Protein backbone atom coordinates (compact mmCIF):
# COMPACT_ATOMS: atom_id res chain seq x y z
CA MET A 1 -48.91 -32.74 -46.06
CA SER A 2 -52.57 -32.77 -45.17
CA SER A 3 -51.90 -35.20 -42.28
CA CYS A 4 -49.51 -32.65 -40.78
CA ARG A 5 -51.97 -29.79 -40.94
CA ILE A 6 -55.03 -31.48 -39.45
CA PRO A 7 -53.63 -31.84 -35.90
CA GLU A 8 -52.50 -28.19 -35.96
CA ILE A 9 -56.01 -27.02 -36.85
CA GLU A 10 -57.53 -29.18 -34.13
CA ASP A 11 -55.10 -27.81 -31.51
CA VAL A 12 -55.81 -24.21 -32.44
CA SER A 13 -59.57 -24.70 -32.45
CA ALA A 14 -59.39 -26.31 -29.05
CA SER A 15 -57.43 -23.41 -27.56
CA VAL A 16 -59.83 -20.85 -29.02
CA THR A 17 -62.96 -22.54 -27.73
CA ASP A 18 -61.54 -23.20 -24.27
CA VAL A 19 -60.85 -19.55 -23.37
CA PRO A 20 -64.38 -18.21 -23.84
CA GLY A 21 -65.65 -21.18 -21.88
CA GLU A 22 -63.39 -20.35 -18.95
CA GLU A 23 -64.42 -16.70 -19.12
CA ARG A 24 -68.10 -17.61 -19.16
CA THR A 25 -67.62 -19.93 -16.16
CA ALA A 26 -65.76 -17.26 -14.17
CA ARG A 27 -68.39 -14.65 -15.06
CA SER A 28 -71.26 -16.91 -14.02
CA GLU A 29 -69.54 -17.68 -10.71
CA ALA A 30 -68.96 -13.97 -10.03
CA ARG A 31 -72.55 -13.01 -10.90
CA PRO A 32 -75.06 -15.78 -10.22
CA LYS A 33 -78.06 -15.81 -12.50
CA LYS A 34 -81.16 -14.36 -10.88
CA LYS A 35 -84.59 -15.83 -11.21
CA LEU A 36 -86.89 -13.72 -13.34
CA ILE A 37 -90.19 -12.81 -11.71
CA ARG A 38 -92.15 -11.51 -14.67
CA ARG A 39 -94.28 -8.41 -14.37
CA THR A 40 -98.00 -8.94 -14.53
CA GLY A 41 -100.28 -6.81 -16.62
CA ARG A 42 -99.52 -4.82 -19.73
CA ASP A 43 -97.60 -1.54 -19.70
CA TYR A 44 -99.53 1.29 -21.37
CA SER A 45 -97.06 4.11 -20.71
CA GLN A 46 -95.93 4.47 -24.32
CA GLN A 47 -99.48 4.45 -25.69
CA LEU A 48 -100.38 7.19 -23.21
CA ARG A 49 -97.27 9.18 -24.05
CA LEU A 50 -97.95 8.93 -27.77
CA SER A 51 -101.52 10.13 -27.22
CA VAL A 52 -100.28 13.17 -25.27
CA GLN A 53 -97.59 13.90 -27.86
CA LEU A 54 -100.04 13.76 -30.76
CA ALA A 55 -102.65 15.84 -28.91
CA PHE A 56 -100.12 18.57 -28.10
CA LEU A 57 -98.73 18.46 -31.63
CA ALA A 58 -102.26 18.84 -33.03
CA LEU A 59 -102.88 21.76 -30.65
CA ASN A 60 -99.75 23.51 -31.90
CA VAL A 61 -100.65 22.88 -35.55
CA TRP A 62 -104.12 24.33 -34.92
CA ILE A 63 -102.60 27.38 -33.21
CA GLY A 64 -100.17 27.75 -36.11
CA VAL A 65 -102.95 27.68 -38.70
CA LEU A 66 -104.96 30.29 -36.80
CA PHE A 67 -101.91 32.47 -36.36
CA TYR A 68 -101.09 32.31 -40.08
CA GLN A 69 -104.67 33.33 -40.89
CA TRP A 70 -104.41 36.20 -38.42
CA VAL A 71 -101.11 37.38 -39.94
CA ARG A 72 -102.64 37.34 -43.43
CA TRP A 73 -105.60 39.34 -42.06
CA ALA A 74 -103.23 41.93 -40.60
CA GLU A 75 -101.06 42.01 -43.73
CA THR A 76 -104.10 42.79 -45.87
CA ALA A 77 -105.46 45.34 -43.37
CA GLY A 78 -108.54 43.25 -42.66
CA GLN A 79 -109.35 42.21 -46.26
CA THR A 80 -109.06 38.44 -45.59
CA LEU A 81 -110.86 36.18 -43.12
CA ALA A 82 -110.87 37.79 -39.68
CA VAL A 83 -109.71 35.54 -36.83
CA GLU A 84 -108.62 36.22 -33.27
CA ARG A 85 -104.90 36.19 -32.64
CA PRO A 86 -104.12 32.92 -30.78
CA ALA A 87 -102.06 33.94 -27.78
CA GLY A 88 -100.77 30.39 -27.41
CA VAL A 89 -98.29 31.07 -30.22
CA GLU A 90 -96.22 32.95 -27.65
CA GLY A 91 -95.19 29.58 -26.24
CA TRP A 92 -92.78 29.45 -29.19
CA LEU A 93 -90.92 32.49 -27.79
CA PRO A 94 -88.95 30.96 -24.90
CA ILE A 95 -86.32 33.73 -24.81
CA ALA A 96 -89.09 36.32 -24.48
CA GLY A 97 -90.56 34.14 -21.71
CA LEU A 98 -87.22 34.19 -19.88
CA MET A 99 -87.06 37.97 -20.25
CA GLN A 100 -90.59 38.35 -18.92
CA LEU A 101 -89.84 36.10 -15.95
CA LYS A 102 -86.97 38.38 -14.95
CA TYR A 103 -89.19 41.42 -15.49
CA VAL A 104 -91.88 40.03 -13.16
CA VAL A 105 -89.35 39.00 -10.48
CA VAL A 106 -87.72 42.43 -10.48
CA THR A 107 -90.76 44.71 -10.90
CA HIS A 108 -93.54 42.52 -9.43
CA GLN A 109 -95.70 43.57 -12.40
CA TRP A 110 -97.33 41.43 -15.06
CA PRO A 111 -96.12 42.18 -18.60
CA ALA A 112 -98.71 43.58 -21.00
CA ILE A 113 -96.90 42.29 -24.12
CA HIS A 114 -96.91 38.54 -24.86
CA PRO A 115 -98.12 37.61 -21.33
CA ALA A 116 -99.25 34.15 -22.48
CA GLY A 117 -95.63 33.33 -23.24
CA LEU A 118 -94.71 33.96 -19.61
CA PHE A 119 -97.40 31.62 -18.26
CA LEU A 120 -96.51 28.87 -20.73
CA PHE A 121 -92.82 29.27 -19.92
CA VAL A 122 -93.52 28.96 -16.19
CA ALA A 123 -95.84 25.99 -16.79
CA PHE A 124 -93.12 24.09 -18.66
CA LEU A 125 -90.54 24.94 -15.99
CA LEU A 126 -92.91 23.69 -13.29
CA ILE A 127 -93.60 20.48 -15.21
CA SER A 128 -89.84 19.89 -15.47
CA PHE A 129 -89.40 20.53 -11.75
CA LEU A 130 -92.20 18.16 -10.74
CA LEU A 131 -91.81 15.45 -13.42
CA ARG A 132 -88.23 15.79 -14.56
CA LYS A 133 -87.83 16.74 -18.23
CA ALA A 134 -91.34 15.51 -19.06
CA PHE A 135 -91.95 18.60 -21.19
CA CYS A 136 -89.37 17.30 -23.68
CA GLY A 137 -90.49 13.67 -23.52
CA TRP A 138 -94.26 14.19 -23.42
CA LEU A 139 -95.18 17.64 -24.81
CA CYS A 140 -92.60 19.39 -26.97
CA PRO A 141 -93.68 19.27 -30.66
CA LEU A 142 -90.06 19.48 -31.83
CA GLY A 143 -89.18 16.64 -29.48
CA THR A 144 -92.02 14.58 -30.90
CA LEU A 145 -90.93 15.21 -34.49
CA SER A 146 -87.31 14.48 -33.58
CA GLU A 147 -88.27 11.21 -31.90
CA TYR A 148 -90.28 9.89 -34.81
CA LEU A 149 -87.65 10.98 -37.32
CA TRP A 150 -85.04 8.72 -35.73
CA LYS A 151 -87.60 5.95 -35.41
CA LEU A 152 -88.36 6.37 -39.12
CA GLY A 153 -84.64 6.21 -39.80
CA ARG A 154 -84.25 3.03 -37.76
CA TYR A 155 -87.24 1.47 -39.55
CA THR A 156 -85.89 2.45 -42.97
CA PHE A 157 -82.18 1.76 -42.51
CA ARG A 158 -82.54 -0.94 -39.81
CA ARG A 159 -80.36 0.98 -37.36
CA ASN A 160 -79.37 4.36 -35.92
CA VAL A 161 -75.88 5.78 -35.65
CA THR A 162 -74.33 5.89 -32.19
CA LEU A 163 -71.65 8.54 -31.96
CA PRO A 164 -68.46 7.59 -30.08
CA ARG A 165 -68.29 8.77 -26.49
CA TRP A 166 -65.41 11.17 -27.17
CA LEU A 167 -67.62 13.01 -29.67
CA ASP A 168 -71.03 12.53 -28.02
CA ILE A 169 -70.15 14.15 -24.69
CA PRO A 170 -68.67 17.41 -26.11
CA LEU A 171 -71.58 17.72 -28.54
CA ARG A 172 -74.06 17.40 -25.65
CA GLY A 173 -72.40 20.44 -24.13
CA MET A 174 -73.34 22.56 -27.16
CA LYS A 175 -76.90 23.13 -25.95
CA TYR A 176 -75.63 24.30 -22.56
CA LEU A 177 -73.30 26.78 -24.28
CA LEU A 178 -76.25 28.13 -26.28
CA LEU A 179 -78.32 28.35 -23.10
CA GLY A 180 -75.50 30.19 -21.39
CA PHE A 181 -75.32 32.68 -24.25
CA PHE A 182 -79.04 33.51 -24.06
CA ALA A 183 -79.12 33.49 -20.25
CA ASN A 184 -76.17 35.89 -20.12
CA ALA A 185 -77.88 38.21 -22.61
CA VAL A 186 -81.06 38.30 -20.51
CA ALA A 187 -79.12 38.66 -17.24
CA SER A 188 -77.33 41.71 -18.62
CA MET A 189 -80.63 43.47 -19.39
CA SER A 190 -82.33 45.60 -16.76
CA ALA A 191 -86.08 45.34 -16.17
CA GLU A 192 -86.52 48.75 -17.82
CA THR A 193 -84.61 47.56 -20.88
CA ILE A 194 -86.73 44.42 -21.10
CA GLY A 195 -89.94 46.43 -20.86
CA ALA A 196 -88.75 48.86 -23.54
CA PHE A 197 -87.66 46.00 -25.82
CA LEU A 198 -91.00 44.20 -25.61
CA ALA A 199 -92.97 47.43 -26.11
CA ALA A 200 -90.91 48.49 -29.15
CA PRO A 201 -92.19 47.64 -32.67
CA TYR A 202 -89.65 44.79 -32.94
CA GLY A 203 -90.82 43.25 -29.66
CA LEU A 204 -94.50 43.59 -30.52
CA ILE A 205 -94.15 41.37 -33.58
CA LEU A 206 -91.60 38.82 -32.41
CA ASP A 207 -94.12 36.07 -33.14
CA VAL A 208 -94.72 37.36 -36.67
CA ARG A 209 -90.99 37.47 -37.36
CA MET A 210 -90.71 33.88 -36.17
CA LEU A 211 -93.44 32.81 -38.61
CA ASN A 212 -91.88 34.79 -41.46
CA PHE A 213 -88.57 33.03 -40.90
CA PHE A 214 -90.23 29.81 -42.03
CA ARG A 215 -92.54 31.42 -44.60
CA PHE A 216 -89.64 33.05 -46.44
CA LEU A 217 -86.92 30.51 -45.76
CA GLY A 218 -83.57 31.53 -47.25
CA GLY A 219 -81.14 29.17 -48.95
CA THR A 220 -78.75 28.92 -46.00
CA ALA A 221 -81.54 28.41 -43.48
CA ALA A 222 -83.16 25.76 -45.70
CA PHE A 223 -79.83 23.94 -46.01
CA VAL A 224 -79.32 23.96 -42.23
CA LEU A 225 -82.90 22.78 -41.64
CA LEU A 226 -82.47 19.96 -44.14
CA GLY A 227 -79.22 18.99 -42.44
CA LEU A 228 -80.97 18.79 -39.07
CA ILE A 229 -83.70 16.58 -40.55
CA VAL A 230 -81.18 14.21 -42.13
CA ALA A 231 -79.11 14.07 -38.95
CA SER A 232 -82.27 13.33 -36.95
CA LEU A 233 -82.99 10.33 -39.17
CA PHE A 234 -79.68 8.71 -38.23
CA VAL A 235 -78.91 9.98 -34.70
CA GLN A 236 -81.47 9.62 -31.93
CA ASN A 237 -82.95 13.01 -30.95
CA PHE A 238 -80.14 14.90 -32.66
CA TRP A 239 -81.64 18.37 -32.09
CA CYS A 240 -82.76 17.65 -28.53
CA ARG A 241 -79.54 15.95 -27.50
CA TYR A 242 -77.02 18.39 -28.90
CA LEU A 243 -78.51 21.76 -29.82
CA CYS A 244 -81.76 22.67 -28.01
CA PRO A 245 -81.08 25.37 -25.35
CA TYR A 246 -84.70 25.17 -24.18
CA GLY A 247 -84.23 21.47 -23.44
CA ALA A 248 -80.96 22.28 -21.67
CA LEU A 249 -82.81 24.66 -19.34
CA MET A 250 -85.55 22.09 -18.68
CA GLY A 251 -82.87 19.50 -17.98
CA LEU A 252 -81.13 21.67 -15.40
CA VAL A 253 -84.44 22.39 -13.67
CA SER A 254 -85.29 18.67 -13.75
CA THR A 255 -82.26 17.82 -11.61
CA LEU A 256 -84.14 19.44 -8.70
CA SER A 257 -87.12 17.12 -9.19
CA PRO A 258 -87.87 14.59 -6.45
CA LEU A 259 -88.93 12.08 -9.10
CA ARG A 260 -86.55 9.82 -10.99
CA ILE A 261 -86.19 6.35 -12.44
CA HIS A 262 -85.27 3.82 -9.74
CA ARG A 263 -83.76 0.37 -10.38
CA ASN A 264 -84.15 -2.45 -7.87
CA GLU A 265 -80.81 -4.29 -7.96
CA ALA A 266 -82.24 -7.26 -6.07
CA THR A 267 -84.76 -8.14 -8.78
CA CYS A 268 -82.84 -6.83 -11.81
CA ILE A 269 -81.72 -9.69 -14.09
CA ASP A 270 -79.15 -7.51 -15.92
CA CYS A 271 -80.69 -8.08 -19.33
CA GLY A 272 -79.70 -4.59 -20.51
CA LYS A 273 -83.01 -3.94 -22.30
CA CYS A 274 -83.56 -0.69 -20.41
CA ALA A 275 -80.25 0.85 -21.51
CA LYS A 276 -80.86 -0.22 -25.09
CA ALA A 277 -84.33 1.37 -25.08
CA CYS A 278 -83.23 4.69 -23.50
CA PRO A 279 -83.34 7.39 -26.22
CA ALA A 280 -80.81 9.46 -24.24
CA SER A 281 -78.33 6.52 -24.19
CA LEU A 282 -78.17 6.52 -20.39
CA PRO A 283 -76.71 3.43 -18.62
CA VAL A 284 -79.98 2.63 -16.86
CA ASP A 285 -78.89 -0.97 -16.23
CA LYS A 286 -75.81 0.19 -14.28
CA LEU A 287 -77.38 2.80 -12.00
CA VAL A 288 -79.68 2.63 -8.99
CA GLN A 289 -81.19 6.06 -9.70
CA ILE A 290 -81.21 8.12 -12.88
CA ARG A 291 -80.21 11.64 -11.88
CA SER A 292 -79.00 12.80 -15.29
CA ALA A 293 -80.35 16.03 -16.78
CA GLU A 294 -80.74 14.09 -20.03
CA CYS A 295 -83.55 11.89 -18.68
CA MET A 296 -86.85 12.89 -20.32
CA ALA A 297 -89.10 10.77 -18.10
CA CYS A 298 -90.30 9.03 -21.26
CA MET A 299 -90.50 5.74 -19.30
CA GLU A 300 -89.38 3.69 -22.30
CA CYS A 301 -86.94 1.85 -20.04
CA VAL A 302 -89.78 1.03 -17.63
CA ALA A 303 -91.94 -0.21 -20.50
CA VAL A 304 -89.39 -2.77 -21.76
CA CYS A 305 -88.26 -4.10 -18.36
CA PRO A 306 -89.48 -7.71 -18.01
CA ALA A 307 -88.89 -8.00 -14.23
CA LYS A 308 -91.64 -7.13 -11.79
CA ASP A 309 -91.20 -3.87 -9.83
CA THR A 310 -87.60 -3.49 -10.99
CA LEU A 311 -87.75 -0.19 -12.86
CA VAL A 312 -90.16 2.46 -11.57
CA PHE A 313 -90.66 6.21 -11.91
CA ALA A 314 -90.90 7.22 -8.29
CA ALA A 315 -90.38 9.82 -5.60
CA PRO A 316 -88.25 9.27 -2.48
CA ARG A 317 -89.23 6.16 -0.51
CA HIS A 318 -90.38 4.72 -3.85
CA ARG A 319 -93.78 6.34 -4.07
CA ILE A 320 -94.43 5.16 -7.61
CA VAL A 321 -95.89 7.56 -10.15
CA PRO A 322 -97.62 5.64 -12.97
CA ALA A 323 -97.90 6.94 -16.52
CA TRP A 324 -101.46 8.13 -15.97
CA GLY A 325 -100.19 10.08 -12.96
CA VAL A 326 -97.70 11.89 -15.22
CA VAL A 327 -100.52 12.74 -17.64
CA ALA A 328 -102.74 13.98 -14.82
CA ALA A 329 -99.99 16.15 -13.32
CA VAL A 330 -99.11 17.65 -16.71
CA ALA A 331 -102.78 18.45 -17.34
CA VAL A 332 -103.25 20.08 -13.92
CA VAL A 333 -100.18 22.31 -14.30
CA PHE A 334 -100.74 23.21 -17.96
CA PHE A 335 -104.49 23.86 -17.90
CA GLY A 336 -104.33 25.32 -14.40
CA LEU A 337 -101.86 28.07 -15.33
CA VAL A 338 -103.47 28.74 -18.71
CA GLY A 339 -106.89 28.95 -17.05
CA TYR A 340 -105.62 31.30 -14.37
CA ALA A 341 -104.01 33.54 -17.00
CA LYS A 342 -107.24 33.75 -18.97
CA LEU A 343 -109.48 34.36 -15.95
CA SER A 344 -107.16 37.01 -14.53
CA GLY A 345 -106.88 38.87 -17.84
CA HIS A 346 -103.17 38.13 -18.32
CA TRP A 347 -103.39 35.99 -21.45
CA GLU A 348 -104.05 38.23 -24.46
CA THR A 349 -101.82 41.00 -25.83
CA ARG A 350 -104.32 43.82 -26.25
CA LEU A 351 -103.29 46.25 -28.99
CA PRO A 352 -105.39 48.31 -31.41
CA GLN A 353 -105.90 46.79 -34.86
CA GLN A 354 -104.23 49.74 -36.56
CA ILE A 355 -100.93 48.99 -34.83
CA TYR A 356 -100.95 45.48 -36.24
CA PHE A 357 -102.03 46.74 -39.67
CA GLN A 358 -99.00 49.00 -39.62
CA LEU A 359 -96.38 46.66 -38.16
CA VAL A 360 -97.20 43.17 -39.46
CA PRO A 361 -96.72 43.88 -43.22
CA GLN A 362 -93.17 45.14 -42.51
CA ALA A 363 -92.30 42.59 -39.82
CA SER A 364 -89.34 41.13 -41.72
CA GLU A 365 -87.73 44.57 -42.06
CA ALA A 366 -88.18 45.56 -38.39
CA GLN A 367 -84.95 46.22 -36.48
CA HIS A 368 -84.21 46.44 -32.77
CA ARG A 369 -81.68 48.53 -30.96
């Protein structure tokens, strides 16, 4: 009985091993293996990006601490430590920034309420136009936290979850639906309505209400926040990829940018490392140019590419922009607009102390029409 079975096993094993061999031969004939010309020098793009991310995160934490101290000062009518209100907190009010942008375009007048938010909003839009969605990949504190949550998840659980394409693509559309909702709301408001909204008690303390949302977190909000954190541990950039309307706006603006990732097909060895490294799950190894609104200009694909001059972040005619060039451009735009706002007197919201003493303690109860 055993002598009958042995030949059968040998025949089957032979047929199984032959087919992959034929496939590999046909594949190698169709796509000849290219010689790898290794890149020289070390890539420092990710070290630079991490430095910028941490610096901007620290700046936002510092602003947050100052703002909390200022709110406590206003809540106690000046009985606690007196600090200046940090106008930079208005950068966390992107919808107000969008409203102010429409107000300026229509009326040609600078807003007196939360003007810093307008300049920061424009700065981030300009960065996205010049450097693709670099705001999300290099500056955004939520993007930074989201990125290192999924990296923590991959380190802890040895992998991240990749959603199937039939689910991933519709979920990516969620942030554009949210953006459309907010954009439609702002578009339906006249300049007079926007001005009245921002000057009303509710509009004056939008920033305080935002802080109080996290200070006095309700059960439902805490559950949703915990769910986002857990999801971010398993799915790469869960918030940024599926839900962030601000990132959706920056992505749409970034499609107008002259800069993008370019792949040189002649020197590409088709190793697939770039696609595997892309946090947005873009098929970098299959495209000549990355035009997607999901590209954050993080340059992780460029950093892992082993072939010389194969993946570059460049303008038309391949005018390469190195990582330090991205940092320099971000600094010029950000500090340039913030500096102009301060020097021109359009940075601070100037209101009497008594107004804040009256409004801030009841910020959570304030209603708008």
